[in-house]
PDB file of N, CA and C in Angstrom:
ATOM      1  N   LEU A   1       9.214   9.202  -8.164  1.00  0.00           N
ATOM      2  CA  LEU A   1       9.627   9.936  -6.993  1.00  0.00           C
ATOM      3  C   LEU A   1       9.179   9.200  -5.726  1.00  0.00           C
ATOM      4  N   GLY A   2       7.973   8.636  -5.769  1.00  0.00           N
ATOM      5  CA  GLY A   2       7.461   7.907  -4.608  1.00  0.00           C
ATOM      6  C   GLY A   2       8.284   6.676  -4.288  1.00  0.00           C
ATOM      7  N   GLN A   3       8.767   6.004  -5.338  1.00  0.00           N
ATOM      8  CA  GLN A   3       9.591   4.813  -5.117  1.00  0.00           C
ATOM      9  C   GLN A   3      10.924   5.179  -4.473  1.00  0.00           C
ATOM     10  N   VAL A   4      11.464   6.321  -4.862  1.00  0.00           N
ATOM     11  CA  VAL A   4      12.738   6.778  -4.272  1.00  0.00           C
ATOM     12  C   VAL A   4      12.538   7.077  -2.791  1.00  0.00           C
ATOM     13  N   VAL A   5      11.459   7.791  -2.481  1.00  0.00           N
ATOM     14  CA  VAL A   5      11.170   8.132  -1.081  1.00  0.00           C
ATOM     15  C   VAL A   5      10.961   6.855  -0.278  1.00  0.00           C
ATOM     16  N   ALA A   6      10.221   5.894  -0.832  1.00  0.00           N
ATOM     17  CA  ALA A   6       9.977   4.631  -0.130  1.00  0.00           C
ATOM     18  C   ALA A   6      11.281   3.870   0.107  1.00  0.00           C
ATOM     19  N   ALA A   7      12.140   3.824  -0.900  1.00  0.00           N
ATOM     20  CA  ALA A   7      13.412   3.103  -0.751  1.00  0.00           C
ATOM     21  C   ALA A   7      14.284   3.750   0.320  1.00  0.00           C
ATOM     22  N   VAL A   8      14.347   5.062   0.307  1.00  0.00           N
ATOM     23  CA  VAL A   8      15.148   5.773   1.305  1.00  0.00           C
ATOM     24  C   VAL A   8      14.563   5.559   2.698  1.00  0.00           C
ATOM     25  N   ALA A   9      13.234   5.618   2.816  1.00  0.00           N
ATOM     26  CA  ALA A   9      12.596   5.446   4.119  1.00  0.00           C
ATOM     27  C   ALA A   9      12.823   4.038   4.668  1.00  0.00           C
ATOM     28  N   VAL A  10      12.682   3.035   3.819  1.00  0.00           N
ATOM     29  CA  VAL A  10      12.881   1.656   4.283  1.00  0.00           C
ATOM     30  C   VAL A  10      14.335   1.426   4.681  1.00  0.00           C
ATOM     31  N   ASN A  11      15.256   1.880   3.860  1.00  0.00           N
ATOM     32  CA  ASN A  11      16.671   1.703   4.209  1.00  0.00           C
ATOM     33  C   ASN A  11      17.031   2.476   5.473  1.00  0.00           C
ATOM     34  N   GLY A  12      16.489   3.661   5.618  1.00  0.00           N
ATOM     35  CA  GLY A  12      16.736   4.431   6.844  1.00  0.00           C
ATOM     36  C   GLY A  12      16.182   3.714   8.065  1.00  0.00           C
ATOM     37  N   ALA A  13      14.987   3.139   7.923  1.00  0.00           N
ATOM     38  CA  ALA A  13      14.381   2.419   9.043  1.00  0.00           C
ATOM     39  C   ALA A  13      15.189   1.169   9.381  1.00  0.00           C
ATOM     40  N   LEU A  14      15.641   0.457   8.366  1.00  0.00           N
ATOM     41  CA  LEU A  14      16.465  -0.743   8.620  1.00  0.00           C
ATOM     42  C   LEU A  14      17.754  -0.366   9.349  1.00  0.00           C
ATOM     43  N   LEU A  15      18.378   0.703   8.919  1.00  0.00           N
ATOM     44  CA  LEU A  15      19.595   1.150   9.606  1.00  0.00           C
ATOM     45  C   LEU A  15      19.273   1.627  11.014  1.00  0.00           C
ATOM     46  N   GLY A  16      18.131   2.250  11.189  1.00  0.00           N
ATOM     47  CA  GLY A  16      17.737   2.784  12.483  1.00  0.00           C
ATOM     48  C   GLY A  16      17.561   1.722  13.554  1.00  0.00           C
ATOM     49  N   PHE A  17      17.082   0.537  13.189  1.00  0.00           N
ATOM     50  CA  PHE A  17      16.914  -0.481  14.223  1.00  0.00           C
ATOM     51  C   PHE A  17      18.053  -1.484  14.248  1.00  0.00           C
ATOM     52  N   GLY A  18      19.139  -1.183  13.547  1.00  0.00           N
ATOM     53  CA  GLY A  18      20.348  -1.980  13.686  1.00  0.00           C
ATOM     54  C   GLY A  18      20.474  -3.158  12.750  1.00  0.00           C
ATOM     55  N   TYR A  19      19.753  -3.161  11.649  1.00  0.00           N
ATOM     56  CA  TYR A  19      19.865  -4.260  10.688  1.00  0.00           C
ATOM     57  C   TYR A  19      21.162  -4.107   9.917  1.00  0.00           C
ATOM     58  N   SER A  20      21.836  -5.206   9.707  1.00  0.00           N
ATOM     59  CA  SER A  20      23.073  -5.203   8.943  1.00  0.00           C
ATOM     60  C   SER A  20      23.050  -6.373   7.977  1.00  0.00           C
ATOM     61  N   ALA A  21      23.597  -6.181   6.792  1.00  0.00           N
ATOM     62  CA  ALA A  21      23.630  -7.263   5.800  1.00  0.00           C
ATOM     63  C   ALA A  21      24.507  -8.411   6.286  1.00  0.00           C
ATOM     64  N   ASP A  22      25.427  -8.126   7.215  1.00  0.00           N
ATOM     65  CA  ASP A  22      26.306  -9.169   7.746  1.00  0.00           C
ATOM     66  C   ASP A  22      25.521 -10.186   8.563  1.00  0.00           C
ATOM     67  N   ASN A  23      24.494  -9.743   9.277  1.00  0.00           N
ATOM     68  CA  ASN A  23      23.713 -10.663  10.104  1.00  0.00           C
ATOM     69  C   ASN A  23      22.305 -10.845   9.517  1.00  0.00           C
ATOM     70  N   SER A  24      22.228 -11.012   8.184  1.00  0.00           N
ATOM     71  CA  SER A  24      20.931 -11.079   7.515  1.00  0.00           C
ATOM     72  C   SER A  24      20.246 -12.435   7.680  1.00  0.00           C
ATOM     73  N   SER A  25      20.905 -13.416   8.225  1.00  0.00           N
ATOM     74  CA  SER A  25      20.286 -14.721   8.460  1.00  0.00           C
ATOM     75  C   SER A  25      19.188 -14.561   9.507  1.00  0.00           C
ATOM     76  N   LEU A  26      18.044 -15.211   9.288  1.00  0.00           N
ATOM     77  CA  LEU A  26      16.927 -15.087  10.222  1.00  0.00           C
ATOM     78  C   LEU A  26      17.287 -15.573  11.626  1.00  0.00           C
ATOM     79  N   SER A  27      18.198 -16.519  11.728  1.00  0.00           N
ATOM     80  CA  SER A  27      18.544 -17.043  13.044  1.00  0.00           C
ATOM     81  C   SER A  27      19.331 -16.034  13.875  1.00  0.00           C
ATOM     82  N   THR A  28      19.968 -15.059  13.226  1.00  0.00           N
ATOM     83  CA  THR A  28      20.758 -14.083  13.979  1.00  0.00           C
ATOM     84  C   THR A  28      19.994 -12.791  14.268  1.00  0.00           C
ATOM     85  N   LEU A  29      18.802 -12.642  13.685  1.00  0.00           N
ATOM     86  CA  LEU A  29      18.009 -11.436  13.950  1.00  0.00           C
ATOM     87  C   LEU A  29      17.273 -11.584  15.268  1.00  0.00           C
ATOM     88  N   THR A  30      17.218 -10.493  16.000  1.00  0.00           N
ATOM     89  CA  THR A  30      16.509 -10.523  17.283  1.00  0.00           C
ATOM     90  C   THR A  30      14.996 -10.393  17.037  1.00  0.00           C
ATOM     91  N   ASP A  31      14.234 -10.715  18.073  1.00  0.00           N
ATOM     92  CA  ASP A  31      12.779 -10.585  17.964  1.00  0.00           C
ATOM     93  C   ASP A  31      12.378  -9.131  17.707  1.00  0.00           C
ATOM     94  N   THR A  32      13.082  -8.202  18.299  1.00  0.00           N
ATOM     95  CA  THR A  32      12.784  -6.784  18.100  1.00  0.00           C
ATOM     96  C   THR A  32      12.985  -6.392  16.641  1.00  0.00           C
ATOM     97  N   GLN A  33      14.060  -6.861  16.046  1.00  0.00           N
ATOM     98  CA  GLN A  33      14.320  -6.554  14.642  1.00  0.00           C
ATOM     99  C   GLN A  33      13.254  -7.173  13.738  1.00  0.00           C
ATOM    100  N   LEU A  34      12.869  -8.411  14.010  1.00  0.00           N
ATOM    101  CA  LEU A  34      11.845  -9.064  13.209  1.00  0.00           C
ATOM    102  C   LEU A  34      10.487  -8.365  13.348  1.00  0.00           C
ATOM    103  N   ASN A  35      10.154  -7.967  14.578  1.00  0.00           N
ATOM    104  CA  ASN A  35       8.896  -7.253  14.793  1.00  0.00           C
ATOM    105  C   ASN A  35       8.893  -5.897  14.086  1.00  0.00           C
ATOM    106  N   THR A  36      10.022  -5.210  14.138  1.00  0.00           N
ATOM    107  CA  THR A  36      10.125  -3.916  13.468  1.00  0.00           C
ATOM    108  C   THR A  36       9.963  -4.081  11.964  1.00  0.00           C
ATOM    109  N   MET A  37      10.572  -5.109  11.407  1.00  0.00           N
ATOM    110  CA  MET A  37      10.425  -5.376   9.971  1.00  0.00           C
ATOM    111  C   MET A  37       8.962  -5.691   9.639  1.00  0.00           C
ATOM    112  N   TYR A  38       8.283  -6.420  10.491  1.00  0.00           N
ATOM    113  CA  TYR A  38       6.879  -6.743  10.294  1.00  0.00           C
ATOM    114  C   TYR A  38       6.020  -5.474  10.305  1.00  0.00           C
ATOM    115  N   TYR A  39       6.268  -4.604  11.279  1.00  0.00           N
ATOM    116  CA  TYR A  39       5.514  -3.357  11.369  1.00  0.00           C
ATOM    117  C   TYR A  39       5.750  -2.469  10.150  1.00  0.00           C
ATOM    118  N   LEU A  40       6.987  -2.407   9.694  1.00  0.00           N
ATOM    119  CA  LEU A  40       7.310  -1.592   8.526  1.00  0.00           C
ATOM    120  C   LEU A  40       6.583  -2.089   7.277  1.00  0.00           C
ATOM    121  N   GLY A  41       6.380  -3.371   7.177  1.00  0.00           N
ATOM    122  CA  GLY A  41       5.773  -3.941   5.980  1.00  0.00           C
ATOM    123  C   GLY A  41       4.270  -4.097   6.030  1.00  0.00           C
ATOM    124  N   THR A  42       3.664  -4.046   7.226  1.00  0.00           N
ATOM    125  CA  THR A  42       2.224  -4.309   7.308  1.00  0.00           C
ATOM    126  C   THR A  42       1.441  -3.219   8.043  1.00  0.00           C
ATOM    127  N   ILE A  43       1.750  -3.012   9.279  1.00  0.00           N
ATOM    128  CA  ILE A  43       0.918  -2.139  10.112  1.00  0.00           C
ATOM    129  C   ILE A  43       1.048  -0.671   9.725  1.00  0.00           C
ATOM    130  N   ILE A  44       2.250  -0.207   9.483  1.00  0.00           N
ATOM    131  CA  ILE A  44       2.447   1.203   9.126  1.00  0.00           C
ATOM    132  C   ILE A  44       1.781   1.529   7.784  1.00  0.00           C
ATOM    133  N   PRO A  45       1.969   0.726   6.715  1.00  0.00           N
ATOM    134  CA  PRO A  45       1.249   1.025   5.467  1.00  0.00           C
ATOM    135  C   PRO A  45      -0.275   0.969   5.635  1.00  0.00           C
ATOM    136  N   ALA A  46      -0.771   0.029   6.425  1.00  0.00           N
ATOM    137  CA  ALA A  46      -2.222  -0.061   6.650  1.00  0.00           C
ATOM    138  C   ALA A  46      -2.736   1.193   7.357  1.00  0.00           C
ATOM    139  N   ALA A  47      -2.003   1.675   8.332  1.00  0.00           N
ATOM    140  CA  ALA A  47      -2.407   2.880   9.051  1.00  0.00           C
ATOM    141  C   ALA A  47      -2.378   4.098   8.130  1.00  0.00           C
ATOM    142  N   LEU A  48      -1.350   4.202   7.298  1.00  0.00           N
ATOM    143  CA  LEU A  48      -1.265   5.322   6.364  1.00  0.00           C
ATOM    144  C   LEU A  48      -2.382   5.256   5.318  1.00  0.00           C
ATOM    145  N   PHE A  49      -2.720   4.063   4.866  1.00  0.00           N
ATOM    146  CA  PHE A  49      -3.818   3.894   3.908  1.00  0.00           C
ATOM    147  C   PHE A  49      -5.146   4.326   4.547  1.00  0.00           C
ATOM    148  N   GLY A  50      -5.368   3.945   5.797  1.00  0.00           N
ATOM    149  CA  GLY A  50      -6.570   4.368   6.511  1.00  0.00           C
ATOM    150  C   GLY A  50      -6.622   5.872   6.684  1.00  0.00           C
ATOM    151  N   LEU A  51      -5.485   6.476   7.003  1.00  0.00           N
ATOM    152  CA  LEU A  51      -5.407   7.930   7.149  1.00  0.00           C
ATOM    153  C   LEU A  51      -5.736   8.617   5.829  1.00  0.00           C
ATOM    154  N   MET A  52      -5.210   8.071   4.736  1.00  0.00           N
ATOM    155  CA  MET A  52      -5.499   8.625   3.423  1.00  0.00           C
ATOM    156  C   MET A  52      -7.002   8.545   3.127  1.00  0.00           C
ATOM    157  N   GLY A  53      -7.628   7.442   3.473  1.00  0.00           N
ATOM    158  CA  GLY A  53      -9.065   7.297   3.281  1.00  0.00           C
ATOM    159  C   GLY A  53      -9.857   8.318   4.073  1.00  0.00           C
ATOM    160  N   LEU A  54      -9.461   8.540   5.316  1.00  0.00           N
ATOM    161  CA  LEU A  54     -10.141   9.550   6.143  1.00  0.00           C
ATOM    162  C   LEU A  54      -9.986  10.952   5.569  1.00  0.00           C
ATOM    163  N   VAL A  55      -8.796  11.268   5.094  1.00  0.00           N
ATOM    164  CA  VAL A  55      -8.555  12.584   4.502  1.00  0.00           C
ATOM    165  C   VAL A  55      -9.471  12.777   3.295  1.00  0.00           C
ATOM    166  N   LEU A  56      -9.567  11.775   2.432  1.00  0.00           N
ATOM    167  CA  LEU A  56     -10.437  11.885   1.265  1.00  0.00           C
ATOM    168  C   LEU A  56     -11.900  11.973   1.666  1.00  0.00           C
ATOM    169  N   LEU A  57     -12.280  11.228   2.669  1.00  0.00           N
ATOM    170  CA  LEU A  57     -13.668  11.230   3.128  1.00  0.00           C
ATOM    171  C   LEU A  57     -14.072  12.588   3.702  1.00  0.00           C
ATOM    172  N   ILE A  58     -13.155  13.216   4.417  1.00  0.00           N
ATOM    173  CA  ILE A  58     -13.460  14.488   5.071  1.00  0.00           C
ATOM    174  C   ILE A  58     -13.361  15.665   4.095  1.00  0.00           C
ATOM    175  N   TRP A  59     -12.269  15.742   3.333  1.00  0.00           N
ATOM    176  CA  TRP A  59     -12.042  16.904   2.491  1.00  0.00           C
ATOM    177  C   TRP A  59     -12.526  16.755   1.056  1.00  0.00           C
ATOM    178  N   TYR A  60     -12.937  15.577   0.632  1.00  0.00           N
ATOM    179  CA  TYR A  60     -13.451  15.397  -0.723  1.00  0.00           C
ATOM    180  C   TYR A  60     -14.607  14.408  -0.710  1.00  0.00           C
ATOM    181  N   PRO A  61     -15.685  14.751  -0.023  1.00  0.00           N
ATOM    182  CA  PRO A  61     -16.828  13.828   0.030  1.00  0.00           C
ATOM    183  C   PRO A  61     -17.539  13.774  -1.321  1.00  0.00           C
ATOM    184  N   LEU A  62     -17.944  12.582  -1.733  1.00  0.00           N
ATOM    185  CA  LEU A  62     -18.651  12.400  -2.991  1.00  0.00           C
ATOM    186  C   LEU A  62     -20.077  11.944  -2.706  1.00  0.00           C
ATOM    187  N   SER A  63     -21.003  12.861  -2.828  1.00  0.00           N
ATOM    188  CA  SER A  63     -22.405  12.496  -2.692  1.00  0.00           C
ATOM    189  C   SER A  63     -22.921  12.072  -4.064  1.00  0.00           C
ATOM    190  N   LYS A  64     -24.116  11.500  -4.097  1.00  0.00           N
ATOM    191  CA  LYS A  64     -24.697  11.100  -5.379  1.00  0.00           C
ATOM    192  C   LYS A  64     -24.881  12.312  -6.283  1.00  0.00           C
ATOM    193  N   LYS A  65     -25.276  13.434  -5.701  1.00  0.00           N
ATOM    194  CA  LYS A  65     -25.487  14.642  -6.488  1.00  0.00           C
ATOM    195  C   LYS A  65     -24.180  15.144  -7.082  1.00  0.00           C
ATOM    196  N   LYS A  66     -23.117  15.130  -6.294  1.00  0.00           N
ATOM    197  CA  LYS A  66     -21.830  15.616  -6.788  1.00  0.00           C
ATOM    198  C   LYS A  66     -21.295  14.710  -7.902  1.00  0.00           C
ATOM    199  N   VAL A  67     -21.455  13.407  -7.756  1.00  0.00           N
ATOM    200  CA  VAL A  67     -21.019  12.470  -8.790  1.00  0.00           C
ATOM    201  C   VAL A  67     -21.807  12.710 -10.073  1.00  0.00           C
ATOM    202  N   ALA A  68     -23.120  12.922  -9.947  1.00  0.00           N
ATOM    203  CA  ALA A  68     -23.951  13.186 -11.125  1.00  0.00           C
ATOM    204  C   ALA A  68     -23.531  14.495 -11.791  1.00  0.00           C
ATOM    205  N   ASP A  69     -23.243  15.522 -10.999  1.00  0.00           N
ATOM    206  CA  ASP A  69     -22.790  16.800 -11.555  1.00  0.00           C
ATOM    207  C   ASP A  69     -21.462  16.646 -12.287  1.00  0.00           C
ATOM    208  N   LEU A  70     -20.546  15.896 -11.700  1.00  0.00           N
ATOM    209  CA  LEU A  70     -19.257  15.657 -12.343  1.00  0.00           C
ATOM    210  C   LEU A  70     -19.430  14.874 -13.647  1.00  0.00           C
ATOM    211  N   GLN A  71     -20.366  13.934 -13.663  1.00  0.00           N
ATOM    212  CA  GLN A  71     -20.633  13.146 -14.864  1.00  0.00           C
ATOM    213  C   GLN A  71     -21.166  14.043 -15.980  1.00  0.00           C
ATOM    214  N   VAL A  72     -22.081  14.946 -15.644  1.00  0.00           N
ATOM    215  CA  VAL A  72     -22.636  15.869 -16.634  1.00  0.00           C
ATOM    216  C   VAL A  72     -21.532  16.770 -17.177  1.00  0.00           C
ATOM    217  N   LEU A  73     -20.694  17.285 -16.309  1.00  0.00           N
ATOM    218  CA  LEU A  73     -19.588  18.140 -16.730  1.00  0.00           C
ATOM    219  C   LEU A  73     -18.638  17.403 -17.664  1.00  0.00           C
ATOM    220  N   LYS A  74     -18.331  16.160 -17.315  1.00  0.00           N
ATOM    221  CA  LYS A  74     -17.438  15.355 -18.150  1.00  0.00           C
ATOM    222  C   LYS A  74     -18.050  15.121 -19.525  1.00  0.00           C
ATOM    223  N   GLU A  75     -19.338  14.812 -19.565  1.00  0.00           N
ATOM    224  CA  GLU A  75     -19.998  14.556 -20.840  1.00  0.00           C
ATOM    225  C   GLU A  75     -20.031  15.810 -21.709  1.00  0.00           C
ATOM    226  N   GLU A  76     -20.236  16.975 -21.095  1.00  0.00           N
ATOM    227  CA  GLU A  76     -20.223  18.222 -21.855  1.00  0.00           C
ATOM    228  C   GLU A  76     -18.851  18.470 -22.471  1.00  0.00           C
ATOM    229  N   LYS A  77     -17.808  18.215 -21.701  1.00  0.00           N
ATOM    230  CA  LYS A  77     -16.453  18.406 -22.229  1.00  0.00           C
ATOM    231  C   LYS A  77     -16.167  17.422 -23.358  1.00  0.00           C
ATOM    232  N   LEU A  78     -16.642  16.183 -23.222  1.00  0.00           N
ATOM    233  CA  LEU A  78     -16.443  15.207 -24.284  1.00  0.00           C
ATOM    234  C   LEU A  78     -17.189  15.592 -25.556  1.00  0.00           C
ATOM    235  N   LYS A  79     -18.400  16.136 -25.406  1.00  0.00           N
ATOM    236  CA  LYS A  79     -19.159  16.594 -26.572  1.00  0.00           C
ATOM    237  C   LYS A  79     -18.408  17.705 -27.287  1.00  0.00           C
ATOM    238  N   GLU A  80     -17.892  18.664 -26.517  1.00  0.00           N
ATOM    239  CA  GLU A  80     -17.145  19.763 -27.115  1.00  0.00           C
ATOM    240  C   GLU A  80     -15.895  19.251 -27.818  1.00  0.00           C
ATOM    241  N   ALA A  81     -15.191  18.323 -27.192  1.00  0.00           N
ATOM    242  CA  ALA A  81     -13.986  17.766 -27.799  1.00  0.00           C
ATOM    243  C   ALA A  81     -14.338  17.013 -29.083  1.00  0.00           C
ATOM    244  N   PHE A  82     -15.471  16.301 -29.071  1.00  0.00           N
ATOM    245  CA  PHE A  82     -15.900  15.561 -30.254  1.00  0.00           C
ATOM    246  C   PHE A  82     -16.216  16.520 -31.385  1.00  0.00           C
ATOM    247  N   LYS A  83     -16.952  17.594 -31.074  1.00  0.00           N
ATOM    248  CA  LYS A  83     -17.287  18.585 -32.100  1.00  0.00           C
ATOM    249  C   LYS A  83     -16.029  19.222 -32.658  1.00  0.00           C
ATOM    250  N   ASP A  84     -15.084  19.578 -31.771  1.00  0.00           N
ATOM    251  CA  ASP A  84     -13.835  20.195 -32.206  1.00  0.00           C
ATOM    252  C   ASP A  84     -13.039  19.246 -33.091  1.00  0.00           C
ATOM    253  N   SER A  85     -13.012  17.968 -32.738  1.00  0.00           N
ATOM    254  CA  SER A  85     -12.243  17.010 -33.532  1.00  0.00           C
ATOM    255  C   SER A  85     -12.873  16.819 -34.904  1.00  0.00           C
ATOM    256  N   MET A  86     -14.206  16.883 -34.989  1.00  0.00           N
ATOM    257  CA  MET A  86     -14.871  16.747 -36.278  1.00  0.00           C
ATOM    258  C   MET A  86     -14.579  17.959 -37.158  1.00  0.00           C
ATOM    259  N   VAL A  87     -14.498  19.139 -36.560  1.00  0.00           N
ATOM    260  CA  VAL A  87     -14.187  20.351 -37.313  1.00  0.00           C
ATOM    261  C   VAL A  87     -12.745  20.298 -37.792  1.00  0.00           C
ATOM    262  N   LEU A  88     -11.835  19.828 -36.949  1.00  0.00           N
ATOM    263  CA  LEU A  88     -10.421  19.786 -37.303  1.00  0.00           C
ATOM    264  C   LEU A  88     -10.108  18.734 -38.358  1.00  0.00           C
ATOM    265  N   GLU A  89     -10.940  17.703 -38.466  1.00  0.00           N
ATOM    266  CA  GLU A  89     -10.668  16.644 -39.439  1.00  0.00           C
ATOM    267  C   GLU A  89     -10.843  17.126 -40.863  1.00  0.00           C
ATOM    268  N   GLY A  90     -11.548  18.188 -41.074  1.00  0.00           N
ATOM    269  CA  GLY A  90     -11.653  18.725 -42.431  1.00  0.00           C
ATOM    270  C   GLY A  90     -13.016  19.283 -42.711  1.00  0.00           C
ATOM    271  N   ALA A  91     -13.024  20.258 -43.600  1.00  0.00           N
ATOM    272  CA  ALA A  91     -14.280  20.905 -43.952  1.00  0.00           C
ATOM    273  C   ALA A  91     -15.135  20.005 -44.820  1.00  0.00           C
ATOM    274  N   GLY A  92     -14.541  18.996 -45.443  1.00  0.00           N
ATOM    275  CA  GLY A  92     -15.277  18.116 -46.326  1.00  0.00           C
ATOM    276  C   GLY A  92     -16.043  17.032 -45.601  1.00  0.00           C
ATOM    277  N   THR A  93     -16.037  17.022 -44.298  1.00  0.00           N
ATOM    278  CA  THR A  93     -16.728  15.997 -43.522  1.00  0.00           C
ATOM    279  C   THR A  93     -18.226  16.137 -43.707  1.00  0.00           C
ATOM    280  N   ASP A  94     -18.876  15.035 -43.885  1.00  0.00           N
ATOM    281  CA  ASP A  94     -20.330  15.028 -44.037  1.00  0.00           C
ATOM    282  C   ASP A  94     -20.966  15.436 -42.714  1.00  0.00           C
ATOM    283  N   THR A  95     -21.743  16.509 -42.729  1.00  0.00           N
ATOM    284  CA  THR A  95     -22.327  17.011 -41.484  1.00  0.00           C
ATOM    285  C   THR A  95     -23.399  16.083 -40.939  1.00  0.00           C
ATOM    286  N   SER A  96     -23.962  15.241 -41.776  1.00  0.00           N
ATOM    287  CA  SER A  96     -24.991  14.322 -41.289  1.00  0.00           C
ATOM    288  C   SER A  96     -24.396  13.323 -40.306  1.00  0.00           C
ATOM    289  N   VAL A  97     -23.121  12.981 -40.500  1.00  0.00           N
ATOM    290  CA  VAL A  97     -22.453  12.063 -39.571  1.00  0.00           C
ATOM    291  C   VAL A  97     -22.320  12.722 -38.207  1.00  0.00           C
ATOM    292  N   VAL A  98     -21.923  13.987 -38.202  1.00  0.00           N
ATOM    293  CA  VAL A  98     -21.780  14.725 -36.949  1.00  0.00           C
ATOM    294  C   VAL A  98     -23.129  14.845 -36.259  1.00  0.00           C
ATOM    295  N   GLU A  99     -24.158  15.194 -36.996  1.00  0.00           N
ATOM    296  CA  GLU A  99     -25.488  15.336 -36.414  1.00  0.00           C
ATOM    297  C   GLU A  99     -25.994  14.009 -35.869  1.00  0.00           C
ATOM    298  N   SER A 100     -25.715  12.927 -36.582  1.00  0.00           N
ATOM    299  CA  SER A 100     -26.132  11.601 -36.124  1.00  0.00           C
ATOM    300  C   SER A 100     -25.451  11.251 -34.799  1.00  0.00           C
ATOM    301  N   LYS A 101     -24.162  11.524 -34.727  1.00  0.00           N
ATOM    302  CA  LYS A 101     -23.419  11.251 -33.491  1.00  0.00           C
ATOM    303  C   LYS A 101     -23.948  12.111 -32.352  1.00  0.00           C
ATOM    304  N   GLU A 102     -24.248  13.381 -32.632  1.00  0.00           N
ATOM    305  CA  GLU A 102     -24.782  14.266 -31.593  1.00  0.00           C
ATOM    306  C   GLU A 102     -26.126  13.750 -31.099  1.00  0.00           C
ATOM    307  N   ASN A 103     -26.970  13.273 -32.011  1.00  0.00           N
ATOM    308  CA  ASN A 103     -28.268  12.718 -31.616  1.00  0.00           C
ATOM    309  C   ASN A 103     -28.087  11.481 -30.748  1.00  0.00           C
ATOM    310  N   ASP A 104     -27.118  10.619 -31.124  1.00  0.00           N
ATOM    311  CA  ASP A 104     -26.840   9.424 -30.325  1.00  0.00           C
ATOM    312  C   ASP A 104     -26.416   9.809 -28.915  1.00  0.00           C
ATOM    313  N   ILE A 105     -25.571  10.830 -28.810  1.00  0.00           N
ATOM    314  CA  ILE A 105     -25.083  11.282 -27.502  1.00  0.00           C
ATOM    315  C   ILE A 105     -26.244  11.825 -26.674  1.00  0.00           C
ATOM    316  N   GLU A 106     -27.132  12.608 -27.304  1.00  0.00           N
ATOM    317  CA  GLU A 106     -28.275  13.166 -26.579  1.00  0.00           C
ATOM    318  C   GLU A 106     -29.202  12.067 -26.080  1.00  0.00           C
ATOM    319  N   ILE A 107     -29.418  11.038 -26.906  1.00  0.00           N
ATOM    320  CA  ILE A 107     -30.271   9.921 -26.494  1.00  0.00           C
ATOM    321  C   ILE A 107     -29.643   9.190 -25.316  1.00  0.00           C
ATOM    322  N   GLU A 108     -28.335   8.980 -25.364  1.00  0.00           N
ATOM    323  CA  GLU A 108     -27.640   8.331 -24.249  1.00  0.00           C
ATOM    324  C   GLU A 108     -27.757   9.174 -22.985  1.00  0.00           C
ATOM    325  N   ASP A 109     -27.616  10.496 -23.127  1.00  0.00           N
ATOM    326  CA  ASP A 109     -27.732  11.386 -21.968  1.00  0.00           C
ATOM    327  C   ASP A 109     -29.121  11.293 -21.344  1.00  0.00           C
ATOM    328  N   GLN A 110     -30.147  11.279 -22.182  1.00  0.00           N
ATOM    329  CA  GLN A 110     -31.511  11.187 -21.675  1.00  0.00           C
ATOM    330  C   GLN A 110     -31.731   9.860 -20.961  1.00  0.00           C
ATOM    331  N   THR A 111     -31.211   8.779 -21.540  1.00  0.00           N
ATOM    332  CA  THR A 111     -31.357   7.458 -20.930  1.00  0.00           C
ATOM    333  C   THR A 111     -30.659   7.416 -19.580  1.00  0.00           C
ATOM    334  N   GLU A 112     -29.436   7.946 -19.523  1.00  0.00           N
ATOM    335  CA  GLU A 112     -28.692   7.947 -18.257  1.00  0.00           C
ATOM    336  C   GLU A 112     -29.393   8.809 -17.217  1.00  0.00           C
ATOM    337  N   ALA A 113     -29.948   9.942 -17.638  1.00  0.00           N
ATOM    338  CA  ALA A 113     -30.654  10.816 -16.693  1.00  0.00           C
ATOM    339  C   ALA A 113     -31.889  10.106 -16.137  1.00  0.00           C
ATOM    340  N   GLU A 114     -32.617   9.395 -16.997  1.00  0.00           N
ATOM    341  CA  GLU A 114     -33.798   8.647 -16.538  1.00  0.00           C
ATOM    342  C   GLU A 114     -33.392   7.543 -15.572  1.00  0.00           C
ATOM    343  N   GLU A 115     -32.300   6.848 -15.880  1.00  0.00           N
ATOM    344  CA  GLU A 115     -31.827   5.778 -14.991  1.00  0.00           C
ATOM    345  C   GLU A 115     -31.431   6.341 -13.637  1.00  0.00           C
ATOM    346  N   THR A 116     -30.772   7.511 -13.643  1.00  0.00           N
ATOM    347  CA  THR A 116     -30.353   8.151 -12.390  1.00  0.00           C
ATOM    348  C   THR A 116     -31.576   8.556 -11.569  1.00  0.00           C
ATOM    349  N   GLU A 117     -32.584   9.095 -12.223  1.00  0.00           N
ATOM    350  CA  GLU A 117     -33.806   9.493 -11.515  1.00  0.00           C
ATOM    351  C   GLU A 117     -34.514   8.285 -10.937  1.00  0.00           C
ATOM    352  N   ASN A 118     -34.539   7.188 -11.679  1.00  0.00           N
ATOM    353  CA  ASN A 118     -35.206   5.966 -11.195  1.00  0.00           C
ATOM    354  C   ASN A 118     -34.501   5.369  -9.999  1.00  0.00           C
ATOM    355  N   LYS A 119     -33.168   5.474  -9.963  1.00  0.00           N
ATOM    356  CA  LYS A 119     -32.399   4.923  -8.849  1.00  0.00           C
ATOM    357  C   LYS A 119     -32.633   5.718  -7.573  1.00  0.00           C
ATOM    358  N   GLU A 120     -32.781   7.021  -7.736  1.00  0.00           N
ATOM    359  CA  GLU A 120     -32.955   7.890  -6.557  1.00  0.00           C
ATOM    360  C   GLU A 120     -34.362   7.748  -6.078  1.00  0.00           C
TER     361      GLU A 120
END
């Protein structure tokens, strides 16, 4: 959908400043047309990218605490998904394998928590 909007916008802009395929040779384009094409390809996207960055910075700030909270939430969901997948694979699954994996995950969590505390 974004590519369609971009194609329509670029073609509309080209038509808006008088570009025609008949005079597509660089020698027949005016300085105004060349400058407009330059702005469409460089300055306008750069300005929109900067605006997008500001919007994210203002309305979705990521502090170290928020990133750590999101990481913990993600890990909890992955643990639940792992447990569910082990249950769905069959009742004949050796439970020691599941317990071993859970222990590995807990050790990794403790290590990551210690590393996070040391960094702060």
